[in-house]
Amino acid sequence: RETALALEQVFDTLSKVSEVPRRATRHPRSLTQEQLTHSSVSAAGEPVRVSAWVVWEDGVEELVHAYAVAWTPRAVQIRFGVPPHQHHTWVWAGAVSRATTDPGGTGPR
C-alpha cells in the first residue's frame, strides 16, 4: 500500500508530510514506576472497553478507543491500536471512562 505524501508549510519551509496515522509513527507516554507507587496491580479477567486520553511522545493528547487490561487504585493499563501498531500504556485512572457504545463495530481491538 502506497502512502500518500503532501507538502505542508512548516516554519517558512516546505516539508513532505506522510499521511500515516499517528499510531504508526509515534509511541504513547506511559506512567513511570514511581507514579504507579508500587500499588498492587489487578489484571482484567476479560479486557474492558474504554475511552482513554493518551499523551503521545510529541506531547499531543488524543482520545482513543481502547481496552483496560489492568489497573491499580490510581492508574489503568490500556491496550489500543491494531497489530503491528498495538500499544500498551499506563494512564491515570481519571483519563479513562467505560465505553458505552461501539458505533459501526470500529471500536478497540
PDB file of N, CA and C in Angstrom:
ATOM      1  N   ARG A   1       0.834  -1.177   0.000  1.00  0.00           N
ATOM      2  CA  ARG A   1       0.000   0.000   0.000  1.00  0.00           C
ATOM      3  C   ARG A   1       0.877   1.239   0.000  1.00  0.00           C
ATOM      4  N   GLU A   2       0.661   2.122  -0.933  1.00  0.00           N
ATOM      5  CA  GLU A   2       1.450   3.340  -1.006  1.00  0.00           C
ATOM      6  C   GLU A   2       0.924   4.366  -0.024  1.00  0.00           C
ATOM      7  N   THR A   3       1.841   5.112   0.561  1.00  0.00           N
ATOM      8  CA  THR A   3       1.468   6.181   1.470  1.00  0.00           C
ATOM      9  C   THR A   3       1.492   7.483   0.701  1.00  0.00           C
ATOM     10  N   ALA A   4       0.394   8.208   0.766  1.00  0.00           N
ATOM     11  CA  ALA A   4       0.325   9.497   0.072  1.00  0.00           C
ATOM     12  C   ALA A   4       1.172  10.519   0.812  1.00  0.00           C
ATOM     13  N   LEU A   5       1.829  11.379   0.069  1.00  0.00           N
ATOM     14  CA  LEU A   5       2.626  12.442   0.662  1.00  0.00           C
ATOM     15  C   LEU A   5       2.009  13.775   0.294  1.00  0.00           C
ATOM     16  N   ALA A   6       2.139  14.738   1.171  1.00  0.00           N
ATOM     17  CA  ALA A   6       1.613  16.076   0.920  1.00  0.00           C
ATOM     18  C   ALA A   6       2.689  17.079   1.300  1.00  0.00           C
ATOM     19  N   LEU A   7       2.587  18.276   0.759  1.00  0.00           N
ATOM     20  CA  LEU A   7       3.500  19.335   1.163  1.00  0.00           C
ATOM     21  C   LEU A   7       2.789  20.208   2.178  1.00  0.00           C
ATOM     22  N   GLU A   8       3.502  20.592   3.202  1.00  0.00           N
ATOM     23  CA  GLU A   8       2.926  21.408   4.260  1.00  0.00           C
ATOM     24  C   GLU A   8       3.883  22.547   4.593  1.00  0.00           C
ATOM     25  N   GLN A   9       3.333  23.729   4.833  1.00  0.00           N
ATOM     26  CA  GLN A   9       4.143  24.879   5.223  1.00  0.00           C
ATOM     27  C   GLN A   9       4.506  24.727   6.696  1.00  0.00           C
ATOM     28  N   VAL A  10       5.782  24.609   6.992  1.00  0.00           N
ATOM     29  CA  VAL A  10       6.244  24.463   8.362  1.00  0.00           C
ATOM     30  C   VAL A  10       7.375  25.456   8.591  1.00  0.00           C
ATOM     31  N   PHE A  11       7.129  26.467   9.401  1.00  0.00           N
ATOM     32  CA  PHE A  11       8.150  27.459   9.720  1.00  0.00           C
ATOM     33  C   PHE A  11       8.844  27.996   8.475  1.00  0.00           C
ATOM     34  N   ASP A  12       8.062  28.458   7.515  1.00  0.00           N
ATOM     35  CA  ASP A  12       8.561  29.081   6.291  1.00  0.00           C
ATOM     36  C   ASP A  12       9.340  28.135   5.385  1.00  0.00           C
ATOM     37  N   THR A  13       9.202  26.837   5.582  1.00  0.00           N
ATOM     38  CA  THR A  13       9.829  25.871   4.668  1.00  0.00           C
ATOM     39  C   THR A  13       8.772  24.853   4.255  1.00  0.00           C
ATOM     40  N   LEU A  14       8.933  24.274   3.099  1.00  0.00           N
ATOM     41  CA  LEU A  14       8.035  23.219   2.657  1.00  0.00           C
ATOM     42  C   LEU A  14       8.635  21.875   3.046  1.00  0.00           C
ATOM     43  N   SER A  15       7.811  21.029   3.653  1.00  0.00           N
ATOM     44  CA  SER A  15       8.269  19.708   4.078  1.00  0.00           C
ATOM     45  C   SER A  15       7.291  18.658   3.598  1.00  0.00           C
ATOM     46  N   LYS A  16       7.793  17.469   3.299  1.00  0.00           N
ATOM     47  CA  LYS A  16       6.910  16.361   2.961  1.00  0.00           C
ATOM     48  C   LYS A  16       6.305  15.835   4.255  1.00  0.00           C
ATOM     49  N   VAL A  17       4.993  15.620   4.223  1.00  0.00           N
ATOM     50  CA  VAL A  17       4.286  15.119   5.398  1.00  0.00           C
ATOM     51  C   VAL A  17       3.584  13.827   5.004  1.00  0.00           C
ATOM     52  N   SER A  18       3.825  12.775   5.740  1.00  0.00           N
ATOM     53  CA  SER A  18       3.193  11.497   5.461  1.00  0.00           C
ATOM     54  C   SER A  18       1.792  11.486   6.049  1.00  0.00           C
ATOM     55  N   GLU A  19       0.866  10.790   5.405  1.00  0.00           N
ATOM     56  CA  GLU A  19      -0.474  10.645   5.928  1.00  0.00           C
ATOM     57  C   GLU A  19      -0.612   9.364   6.754  1.00  0.00           C
ATOM     58  N   VAL A  20       0.498   8.814   7.219  1.00  0.00           N
ATOM     59  CA  VAL A  20       0.468   7.640   8.071  1.00  0.00           C
ATOM     60  C   VAL A  20      -0.124   8.057   9.409  1.00  0.00           C
ATOM     61  N   PRO A  21      -1.080   7.295   9.941  1.00  0.00           N
ATOM     62  CA  PRO A  21      -1.674   7.664  11.225  1.00  0.00           C
ATOM     63  C   PRO A  21      -0.622   7.799  12.323  1.00  0.00           C
ATOM     64  N   ARG A  22      -0.910   8.681  13.282  1.00  0.00           N
ATOM     65  CA  ARG A  22      -0.001   8.936  14.407  1.00  0.00           C
ATOM     66  C   ARG A  22       0.388   7.634  15.105  1.00  0.00           C
ATOM     67  N   ARG A  23      -0.539   6.709  15.253  1.00  0.00           N
ATOM     68  CA  ARG A  23      -0.259   5.467  15.972  1.00  0.00           C
ATOM     69  C   ARG A  23       0.834   4.647  15.309  1.00  0.00           C
ATOM     70  N   ALA A  24       1.003   4.810  14.013  1.00  0.00           N
ATOM     71  CA  ALA A  24       2.007   4.026  13.298  1.00  0.00           C
ATOM     72  C   ALA A  24       3.392   4.635  13.413  1.00  0.00           C
ATOM     73  N   THR A  25       3.481   5.915  13.771  1.00  0.00           N
ATOM     74  CA  THR A  25       4.774   6.580  13.757  1.00  0.00           C
ATOM     75  C   THR A  25       5.217   7.095  15.122  1.00  0.00           C
ATOM     76  N   ARG A  26       4.354   7.079  16.117  1.00  0.00           N
ATOM     77  CA  ARG A  26       4.666   7.617  17.441  1.00  0.00           C
ATOM     78  C   ARG A  26       4.375   6.579  18.515  1.00  0.00           C
ATOM     79  N   HIS A  27       4.846   6.859  19.712  1.00  0.00           N
ATOM     80  CA  HIS A  27       4.587   5.993  20.857  1.00  0.00           C
ATOM     81  C   HIS A  27       3.937   6.821  21.961  1.00  0.00           C
ATOM     82  N   PRO A  28       2.964   6.239  22.660  1.00  0.00           N
ATOM     83  CA  PRO A  28       2.335   6.981  23.747  1.00  0.00           C
ATOM     84  C   PRO A  28       3.248   7.018  24.964  1.00  0.00           C
ATOM     85  N   ARG A  29       3.119   8.089  25.742  1.00  0.00           N
ATOM     86  CA  ARG A  29       3.844   8.159  27.017  1.00  0.00           C
ATOM     87  C   ARG A  29       3.119   7.279  28.014  1.00  0.00           C
ATOM     88  N   SER A  30       3.873   6.647  28.889  1.00  0.00           N
ATOM     89  CA  SER A  30       3.308   5.802  29.921  1.00  0.00           C
ATOM     90  C   SER A  30       3.726   6.333  31.282  1.00  0.00           C
ATOM     91  N   LEU A  31       2.913   6.084  32.299  1.00  0.00           N
ATOM     92  CA  LEU A  31       3.292   6.480  33.651  1.00  0.00           C
ATOM     93  C   LEU A  31       4.555   5.726  34.060  1.00  0.00           C
ATOM     94  N   THR A  32       5.346   6.336  34.915  1.00  0.00           N
ATOM     95  CA  THR A  32       6.584   5.718  35.387  1.00  0.00           C
ATOM     96  C   THR A  32       6.297   4.810  36.578  1.00  0.00           C
ATOM     97  N   GLN A  33       7.259   3.982  36.937  1.00  0.00           N
ATOM     98  CA  GLN A  33       7.119   3.121  38.114  1.00  0.00           C
ATOM     99  C   GLN A  33       6.881   3.953  39.374  1.00  0.00           C
ATOM    100  N   GLU A  34       7.545   5.103  39.484  1.00  0.00           N
ATOM    101  CA  GLU A  34       7.336   5.966  40.649  1.00  0.00           C
ATOM    102  C   GLU A  34       5.900   6.465  40.716  1.00  0.00           C
ATOM    103  N   GLN A  35       5.320   6.770  39.557  1.00  0.00           N
ATOM    104  CA  GLN A  35       3.937   7.251  39.528  1.00  0.00           C
ATOM    105  C   GLN A  35       2.948   6.135  39.866  1.00  0.00           C
ATOM    106  N   LEU A  36       3.313   4.908  39.547  1.00  0.00           N
ATOM    107  CA  LEU A  36       2.436   3.790  39.882  1.00  0.00           C
ATOM    108  C   LEU A  36       2.511   3.444  41.363  1.00  0.00           C
ATOM    109  N   THR A  37       3.506   3.950  42.067  1.00  0.00           N
ATOM    110  CA  THR A  37       3.703   3.835  43.519  1.00  0.00           C
ATOM    111  C   THR A  37       3.625   2.415  44.065  1.00  0.00           C
ATOM    112  N   HIS A  38       4.055   1.467  43.294  1.00  0.00           N
ATOM    113  CA  HIS A  38       4.138   0.074  43.744  1.00  0.00           C
ATOM    114  C   HIS A  38       2.820  -0.452  44.286  1.00  0.00           C
ATOM    115  N   SER A  39       1.702   0.073  43.803  1.00  0.00           N
ATOM    116  CA  SER A  39       0.392  -0.438  44.197  1.00  0.00           C
ATOM    117  C   SER A  39       0.211  -1.835  43.622  1.00  0.00           C
ATOM    118  N   SER A  40      -0.655  -2.599  44.255  1.00  0.00           N
ATOM    119  CA  SER A  40      -0.922  -3.921  43.699  1.00  0.00           C
ATOM    120  C   SER A  40      -1.711  -3.757  42.404  1.00  0.00           C
ATOM    121  N   VAL A  41      -1.367  -4.557  41.413  1.00  0.00           N
ATOM    122  CA  VAL A  41      -1.978  -4.481  40.094  1.00  0.00           C
ATOM    123  C   VAL A  41      -3.020  -5.580  39.975  1.00  0.00           C
ATOM    124  N   SER A  42      -4.223  -5.193  39.561  1.00  0.00           N
ATOM    125  CA  SER A  42      -5.288  -6.162  39.284  1.00  0.00           C
ATOM    126  C   SER A  42      -5.381  -6.340  37.783  1.00  0.00           C
ATOM    127  N   ALA A  43      -5.291  -7.584  37.327  1.00  0.00           N
ATOM    128  CA  ALA A  43      -5.411  -7.860  35.894  1.00  0.00           C
ATOM    129  C   ALA A  43      -6.872  -8.145  35.569  1.00  0.00           C
ATOM    130  N   ALA A  44      -7.307  -7.669  34.424  1.00  0.00           N
ATOM    131  CA  ALA A  44      -8.685  -7.908  33.993  1.00  0.00           C
ATOM    132  C   ALA A  44      -8.833  -9.363  33.578  1.00  0.00           C
ATOM    133  N   GLY A  45      -9.877 -10.028  34.068  1.00  0.00           N
ATOM    134  CA  GLY A  45     -10.163 -11.385  33.607  1.00  0.00           C
ATOM    135  C   GLY A  45     -10.470 -11.353  32.125  1.00  0.00           C
ATOM    136  N   GLU A  46     -11.240 -10.351  31.730  1.00  0.00           N
ATOM    137  CA  GLU A  46     -11.542 -10.088  30.334  1.00  0.00           C
ATOM    138  C   GLU A  46     -11.372  -8.580  30.134  1.00  0.00           C
ATOM    139  N   PRO A  47     -10.643  -8.138  29.119  1.00  0.00           N
ATOM    140  CA  PRO A  47     -10.435  -6.706  28.906  1.00  0.00           C
ATOM    141  C   PRO A  47     -11.762  -5.947  28.806  1.00  0.00           C
ATOM    142  N   VAL A  48     -11.769  -4.715  29.338  1.00  0.00           N
ATOM    143  CA  VAL A  48     -12.966  -3.881  29.379  1.00  0.00           C
ATOM    144  C   VAL A  48     -12.822  -2.761  28.353  1.00  0.00           C
ATOM    145  N   ARG A  49     -13.853  -2.571  27.499  1.00  0.00           N
ATOM    146  CA  ARG A  49     -13.805  -1.491  26.505  1.00  0.00           C
ATOM    147  C   ARG A  49     -13.888  -0.146  27.209  1.00  0.00           C
ATOM    148  N   VAL A  50     -12.972   0.760  26.832  1.00  0.00           N
ATOM    149  CA  VAL A  50     -12.908   2.086  27.433  1.00  0.00           C
ATOM    150  C   VAL A  50     -12.561   3.132  26.377  1.00  0.00           C
ATOM    151  N   SER A  51     -12.736   4.378  26.758  1.00  0.00           N
ATOM    152  CA  SER A  51     -12.161   5.515  26.031  1.00  0.00           C
ATOM    153  C   SER A  51     -11.119   6.091  26.970  1.00  0.00           C
ATOM    154  N   ALA A  52      -9.979   6.475  26.435  1.00  0.00           N
ATOM    155  CA  ALA A  52      -8.912   6.971  27.298  1.00  0.00           C
ATOM    156  C   ALA A  52      -8.133   8.081  26.608  1.00  0.00           C
ATOM    157  N   TRP A  53      -7.712   9.066  27.395  1.00  0.00           N
ATOM    158  CA  TRP A  53      -6.850  10.125  26.888  1.00  0.00           C
ATOM    159  C   TRP A  53      -5.411   9.666  27.016  1.00  0.00           C
ATOM    160  N   VAL A  54      -4.689   9.650  25.911  1.00  0.00           N
ATOM    161  CA  VAL A  54      -3.264   9.325  25.927  1.00  0.00           C
ATOM    162  C   VAL A  54      -2.480  10.558  25.493  1.00  0.00           C
ATOM    163  N   VAL A  55      -1.261  10.639  25.968  1.00  0.00           N
ATOM    164  CA  VAL A  55      -0.341  11.700  25.558  1.00  0.00           C
ATOM    165  C   VAL A  55       0.765  11.023  24.761  1.00  0.00           C
ATOM    166  N   TRP A  56       0.963  11.484  23.527  1.00  0.00           N
ATOM    167  CA  TRP A  56       1.993  10.922  22.661  1.00  0.00           C
ATOM    168  C   TRP A  56       3.346  11.516  23.001  1.00  0.00           C
ATOM    169  N   GLU A  57       4.409  10.878  22.540  1.00  0.00           N
ATOM    170  CA  GLU A  57       5.773  11.323  22.837  1.00  0.00           C
ATOM    171  C   GLU A  57       6.039  12.754  22.394  1.00  0.00           C
ATOM    172  N   ASP A  58       5.266  13.258  21.409  1.00  0.00           N
ATOM    173  CA  ASP A  58       5.453  14.637  20.965  1.00  0.00           C
ATOM    174  C   ASP A  58       4.560  15.616  21.724  1.00  0.00           C
ATOM    175  N   GLY A  59       3.858  15.126  22.772  1.00  0.00           N
ATOM    176  CA  GLY A  59       3.052  15.985  23.623  1.00  0.00           C
ATOM    177  C   GLY A  59       1.605  16.150  23.189  1.00  0.00           C
ATOM    178  N   VAL A  60       1.231  15.592  22.053  1.00  0.00           N
ATOM    179  CA  VAL A  60      -0.149  15.700  21.572  1.00  0.00           C
ATOM    180  C   VAL A  60      -1.031  14.758  22.393  1.00  0.00           C
ATOM    181  N   GLU A  61      -2.191  15.267  22.839  1.00  0.00           N
ATOM    182  CA  GLU A  61      -3.153  14.457  23.573  1.00  0.00           C
ATOM    183  C   GLU A  61      -4.228  13.968  22.616  1.00  0.00           C
ATOM    184  N   GLU A  62      -4.663  12.712  22.788  1.00  0.00           N
ATOM    185  CA  GLU A  62      -5.672  12.148  21.889  1.00  0.00           C
ATOM    186  C   GLU A  62      -6.576  11.199  22.660  1.00  0.00           C
ATOM    187  N   LEU A  63      -7.876  11.286  22.395  1.00  0.00           N
ATOM    188  CA  LEU A  63      -8.839  10.351  22.967  1.00  0.00           C
ATOM    189  C   LEU A  63      -8.871   9.115  22.073  1.00  0.00           C
ATOM    190  N   VAL A  64      -8.626   7.940  22.660  1.00  0.00           N
ATOM    191  CA  VAL A  64      -8.574   6.710  21.875  1.00  0.00           C
ATOM    192  C   VAL A  64      -9.581   5.704  22.420  1.00  0.00           C
ATOM    193  N   HIS A  65     -10.028   4.806  21.548  1.00  0.00           N
ATOM    194  CA  HIS A  65     -10.823   3.654  21.957  1.00  0.00           C
ATOM    195  C   HIS A  65      -9.817   2.581  22.337  1.00  0.00           C
ATOM    196  N   ALA A  66     -10.008   1.969  23.496  1.00  0.00           N
ATOM    197  CA  ALA A  66      -9.001   1.032  23.995  1.00  0.00           C
ATOM    198  C   ALA A  66      -9.666  -0.051  24.829  1.00  0.00           C
ATOM    199  N   TYR A  67      -8.835  -0.936  25.369  1.00  0.00           N
ATOM    200  CA  TYR A  67      -9.265  -1.923  26.345  1.00  0.00           C
ATOM    201  C   TYR A  67      -8.454  -1.709  27.612  1.00  0.00           C
ATOM    202  N   ALA A  68      -9.123  -1.736  28.763  1.00  0.00           N
ATOM    203  CA  ALA A  68      -8.434  -1.731  30.050  1.00  0.00           C
ATOM    204  C   ALA A  68      -8.034  -3.168  30.332  1.00  0.00           C
ATOM    205  N   VAL A  69      -6.737  -3.392  30.545  1.00  0.00           N
ATOM    206  CA  VAL A  69      -6.261  -4.761  30.759  1.00  0.00           C
ATOM    207  C   VAL A  69      -5.729  -4.982  32.175  1.00  0.00           C
ATOM    208  N   ALA A  70      -5.471  -3.890  32.906  1.00  0.00           N
ATOM    209  CA  ALA A  70      -5.008  -3.981  34.299  1.00  0.00           C
ATOM    210  C   ALA A  70      -5.212  -2.622  34.947  1.00  0.00           C
ATOM    211  N   TRP A  71      -5.207  -2.589  36.283  1.00  0.00           N
ATOM    212  CA  TRP A  71      -5.364  -1.316  36.974  1.00  0.00           C
ATOM    213  C   TRP A  71      -4.837  -1.388  38.394  1.00  0.00           C
ATOM    214  N   THR A  72      -4.587  -0.223  38.932  1.00  0.00           N
ATOM    215  CA  THR A  72      -4.259  -0.020  40.337  1.00  0.00           C
ATOM    216  C   THR A  72      -5.327   0.948  40.852  1.00  0.00           C
ATOM    217  N   PRO A  73      -5.281   1.328  42.123  1.00  0.00           N
ATOM    218  CA  PRO A  73      -6.267   2.311  42.597  1.00  0.00           C
ATOM    219  C   PRO A  73      -6.188   3.660  41.859  1.00  0.00           C
ATOM    220  N   ARG A  74      -5.028   4.000  41.267  1.00  0.00           N
ATOM    221  CA  ARG A  74      -4.846   5.321  40.652  1.00  0.00           C
ATOM    222  C   ARG A  74      -4.574   5.303  39.154  1.00  0.00           C
ATOM    223  N   ALA A  75      -4.313   4.144  38.573  1.00  0.00           N
ATOM    224  CA  ALA A  75      -3.896   4.088  37.167  1.00  0.00           C
ATOM    225  C   ALA A  75      -4.521   2.887  36.462  1.00  0.00           C
ATOM    226  N   VAL A  76      -4.580   2.987  35.117  1.00  0.00           N
ATOM    227  CA  VAL A  76      -5.138   1.915  34.292  1.00  0.00           C
ATOM    228  C   VAL A  76      -4.164   1.616  33.159  1.00  0.00           C
ATOM    229  N   GLN A  77      -3.906   0.327  32.934  1.00  0.00           N
ATOM    230  CA  GLN A  77      -3.111  -0.060  31.768  1.00  0.00           C
ATOM    231  C   GLN A  77      -4.085  -0.335  30.633  1.00  0.00           C
ATOM    232  N   ILE A  78      -3.876   0.359  29.503  1.00  0.00           N
ATOM    233  CA  ILE A  78      -4.761   0.189  28.355  1.00  0.00           C
ATOM    234  C   ILE A  78      -4.005  -0.422  27.182  1.00  0.00           C
ATOM    235  N   ARG A  79      -4.783  -1.059  26.298  1.00  0.00           N
ATOM    236  CA  ARG A  79      -4.255  -1.617  25.052  1.00  0.00           C
ATOM    237  C   ARG A  79      -5.096  -1.026  23.926  1.00  0.00           C
ATOM    238  N   PHE A  80      -4.428  -0.482  22.910  1.00  0.00           N
ATOM    239  CA  PHE A  80      -5.160   0.069  21.773  1.00  0.00           C
ATOM    240  C   PHE A  80      -4.316  -0.024  20.526  1.00  0.00           C
ATOM    241  N   GLY A  81      -4.974   0.186  19.378  1.00  0.00           N
ATOM    242  CA  GLY A  81      -4.296   0.084  18.099  1.00  0.00           C
ATOM    243  C   GLY A  81      -4.541  -1.277  17.473  1.00  0.00           C
ATOM    244  N   VAL A  82      -3.948  -1.474  16.331  1.00  0.00           N
ATOM    245  CA  VAL A  82      -4.089  -2.713  15.583  1.00  0.00           C
ATOM    246  C   VAL A  82      -2.685  -3.231  15.265  1.00  0.00           C
ATOM    247  N   PRO A  83      -2.416  -4.530  15.498  1.00  0.00           N
ATOM    248  CA  PRO A  83      -1.081  -5.041  15.170  1.00  0.00           C
ATOM    249  C   PRO A  83      -0.711  -4.705  13.737  1.00  0.00           C
ATOM    250  N   PRO A  84       0.484  -4.339  13.448  1.00  0.00           N
ATOM    251  CA  PRO A  84       1.660  -4.333  14.322  1.00  0.00           C
ATOM    252  C   PRO A  84       1.819  -3.029  15.112  1.00  0.00           C
ATOM    253  N   HIS A  85       0.824  -2.165  15.104  1.00  0.00           N
ATOM    254  CA  HIS A  85       0.916  -0.884  15.811  1.00  0.00           C
ATOM    255  C   HIS A  85      -0.002  -0.882  17.024  1.00  0.00           C
ATOM    256  N   GLN A  86       0.123  -1.916  17.839  1.00  0.00           N
ATOM    257  CA  GLN A  86      -0.680  -2.018  19.051  1.00  0.00           C
ATOM    258  C   GLN A  86       0.153  -1.530  20.224  1.00  0.00           C
ATOM    259  N   HIS A  87      -0.471  -0.755  21.096  1.00  0.00           N
ATOM    260  CA  HIS A  87       0.244  -0.149  22.218  1.00  0.00           C
ATOM    261  C   HIS A  87      -0.342  -0.623  23.544  1.00  0.00           C
ATOM    262  N   HIS A  88       0.522  -0.771  24.534  1.00  0.00           N
ATOM    263  CA  HIS A  88       0.141  -0.981  25.926  1.00  0.00           C
ATOM    264  C   HIS A  88       0.758   0.179  26.690  1.00  0.00           C
ATOM    265  N   THR A  89      -0.046   0.901  27.461  1.00  0.00           N
ATOM    266  CA  THR A  89       0.480   2.034  28.203  1.00  0.00           C
ATOM    267  C   THR A  89      -0.333   2.241  29.471  1.00  0.00           C
ATOM    268  N   TRP A  90       0.306   2.812  30.484  1.00  0.00           N
ATOM    269  CA  TRP A  90      -0.363   3.152  31.734  1.00  0.00           C
ATOM    270  C   TRP A  90      -0.761   4.621  31.698  1.00  0.00           C
ATOM    271  N   VAL A  91      -2.028   4.901  32.063  1.00  0.00           N
ATOM    272  CA  VAL A  91      -2.536   6.273  32.157  1.00  0.00           C
ATOM    273  C   VAL A  91      -3.213   6.442  33.511  1.00  0.00           C
ATOM    274  N   TRP A  92      -3.419   7.698  33.916  1.00  0.00           N
ATOM    275  CA  TRP A  92      -4.126   7.965  35.170  1.00  0.00           C
ATOM    276  C   TRP A  92      -5.569   7.488  35.053  1.00  0.00           C
ATOM    277  N   ALA A  93      -6.116   6.972  36.144  1.00  0.00           N
ATOM    278  CA  ALA A  93      -7.484   6.453  36.140  1.00  0.00           C
ATOM    279  C   ALA A  93      -8.491   7.523  35.703  1.00  0.00           C
ATOM    280  N   GLY A  94      -8.244   8.779  36.042  1.00  0.00           N
ATOM    281  CA  GLY A  94      -9.144   9.867  35.663  1.00  0.00           C
ATOM    282  C   GLY A  94      -9.184  10.134  34.170  1.00  0.00           C
ATOM    283  N   ALA A  95      -8.245   9.576  33.416  1.00  0.00           N
ATOM    284  CA  ALA A  95      -8.194   9.775  31.963  1.00  0.00           C
ATOM    285  C   ALA A  95      -8.973   8.690  31.216  1.00  0.00           C
ATOM    286  N   VAL A  96      -9.633   7.791  31.970  1.00  0.00           N
ATOM    287  CA  VAL A  96     -10.290   6.630  31.378  1.00  0.00           C
ATOM    288  C   VAL A  96     -11.764   6.613  31.760  1.00  0.00           C
ATOM    289  N   SER A  97     -12.615   6.283  30.793  1.00  0.00           N
ATOM    290  CA  SER A  97     -14.035   6.063  31.092  1.00  0.00           C
ATOM    291  C   SER A  97     -14.504   4.841  30.311  1.00  0.00           C
ATOM    292  N   ARG A  98     -15.460   4.135  30.883  1.00  0.00           N
ATOM    293  CA  ARG A  98     -16.013   2.954  30.209  1.00  0.00           C
ATOM    294  C   ARG A  98     -16.666   3.350  28.906  1.00  0.00           C
ATOM    295  N   ALA A  99     -16.456   2.555  27.880  1.00  0.00           N
ATOM    296  CA  ALA A  99     -17.094   2.798  26.584  1.00  0.00           C
ATOM    297  C   ALA A  99     -18.555   2.397  26.703  1.00  0.00           C
ATOM    298  N   THR A 100     -19.438   3.219  26.134  1.00  0.00           N
ATOM    299  CA  THR A 100     -20.860   2.917  26.219  1.00  0.00           C
ATOM    300  C   THR A 100     -21.376   2.274  24.946  1.00  0.00           C
ATOM    301  N   THR A 101     -20.765   2.602  23.800  1.00  0.00           N
ATOM    302  CA  THR A 101     -21.199   2.027  22.531  1.00  0.00           C
ATOM    303  C   THR A 101     -19.987   1.747  21.665  1.00  0.00           C
ATOM    304  N   ASP A 102     -20.208   0.981  20.649  1.00  0.00           N
ATOM    305  CA  ASP A 102     -19.172   0.686  19.657  1.00  0.00           C
ATOM    306  C   ASP A 102     -19.777   0.948  18.279  1.00  0.00           C
ATOM    307  N   PRO A 103     -19.870   2.248  17.875  1.00  0.00           N
ATOM    308  CA  PRO A 103     -20.555   2.559  16.636  1.00  0.00           C
ATOM    309  C   PRO A 103     -19.904   1.896  15.418  1.00  0.00           C
ATOM    310  N   GLY A 104     -20.724   1.161  14.687  1.00  0.00           N
ATOM    311  CA  GLY A 104     -20.243   0.571  13.446  1.00  0.00           C
ATOM    312  C   GLY A 104     -19.206  -0.511  13.616  1.00  0.00           C
ATOM    313  N   GLY A 105     -19.010  -1.005  14.842  1.00  0.00           N
ATOM    314  CA  GLY A 105     -18.026  -2.041  15.050  1.00  0.00           C
ATOM    315  C   GLY A 105     -16.600  -1.596  14.841  1.00  0.00           C
ATOM    316  N   THR A 106     -16.347  -0.289  15.022  1.00  0.00           N
ATOM    317  CA  THR A 106     -15.000   0.239  14.767  1.00  0.00           C
ATOM    318  C   THR A 106     -14.254   0.525  16.052  1.00  0.00           C
ATOM    319  N   GLY A 107     -14.685  -0.054  17.150  1.00  0.00           N
ATOM    320  CA  GLY A 107     -14.065   0.205  18.450  1.00  0.00           C
ATOM    321  C   GLY A 107     -12.700  -0.427  18.574  1.00  0.00           C
ATOM    322  N   PRO A 108     -12.208  -0.505  19.798  1.00  0.00           N
ATOM    323  CA  PRO A 108     -10.849  -1.004  20.037  1.00  0.00           C
ATOM    324  C   PRO A 108     -10.695  -2.457  19.647  1.00  0.00           C
ATOM    325  N   ARG A 109      -9.480  -2.822  19.352  1.00  0.00           N
ATOM    326  CA  ARG A 109      -9.161  -4.212  19.008  1.00  0.00           C
ATOM    327  C   ARG A 109      -8.121  -4.727  19.982  1.00  0.00           C
TER     328      ARG A 109
END
